[in-house]
C-alpha cells in the first residue's frame, strides 16, 4: 500500500466477507448516515462486513467524522489522501486495501441504496457474473446530467459492445479477483466493466433505486465529460489493439500510404497523359509525399509495438 496514505488497518478473513469501498470528497453531512445504512443493510445477511472510507483530500471536516466512525466501529477503516487525486485513484487504493470475497463500491452522497448490495451479491452467485452494476431507476438528477449520462452510456455501449445501461454508476459489486486485476487512473473508474471484460470477466446489471441528493452539491463538473471521452478512446485502444497493435497502426499506415500513392499516380497521369507540369500541382505532390511518409512511420510504430507486445508476453510466460 502506498506509504503516503494514512491507514487504519484491521485484518479480516476473506471468506464470506464483503468490503464496501466508499470514496469521499467533502461529504461531511452524509457520512454517519451512510455508515448506518451500510451496516443496517448487512444486519440480516450471512456476510461479515468491512467498510473502507477513502478520503480524497476532503477539506470540510469529513476526515474527522471518518475517524470517529473508525474509533467506534471495529469493521471500519479509512484511507486518507493529503490532496484530491480523483475518484479513480480513490477506488484503486480502496480495492488494494479490501480483504473481502466480494467488493462493493458506493458513493457517499446517499443517492444510492446500500440495501441493494446483498441482492447484487446474490445475483452474482445466481447468474455466474463476476461483477454487477446498478442501473438507476427514476434517476433523481438535474436534466443536463441525466441526459448527458444517457448519451454517454449509449455511445459506450455502441463502442465497447457491453450492454449495460448505467456504465458509470457508482454502485457496483465485484468478485475480489476482478478489482485485484485492474489498475485505475484518470477517469478510468467509469470503464471498469470494459477493463474487466478485457481480462475475461462477465458483467451483469440490476435495477436499483435512486434518491435526490440530500446534502451539498455534486462534485463533478462538465469537464468530466470531455475527460471521460478521452479516457474512452484510451480504453478502446487498449482493449481492442493492446495485444495486436499492428492491426491499428498498420490500418492507418495503409490508409495514408494508399491515399499518398493515389495522389502521386494522379500527378503522373496529368504529367504524361496531358502534359501538365508537376510545378502546377506542387501542393498536391507534397501532400502525397507527406502521406506516404506518415504511413511508413505508422507501419514502423506498429512493428515496434508488436515487438514490445511479444517481449512482454514472453516475459509473462
Foldseek 3Di string as FASTA:
>chain_A
DDPQKDKDDDDDAAPLEEEEEEEDAQQQVQQVVVVVQLVVLCPPPSGHYAYEYEYQQHDNCNVVVLVVVVVVDVRYMYIYDNHHFDDQVSVLVSLVRDRYQKYWYAYRQPFFGSNCVVVQVVVCVVVVAFKEAEDEDPAADDPVVVVVQQVVQVVLCVLQVAPDRRQQHRTMMGRSVLSVVDHTHQLCSSPSVLVSVLVPGGYHYDYGYTDHRDDDDDPDDPVVVVSVVVVSVVSSCCSPPQLQVCVVLLVQLVVLLVVLVVLVVVVVCCCPVVNDDCVVVVVSNVSSVVSNVSSVVSNVVSVVSNVVSVVVVVVVD
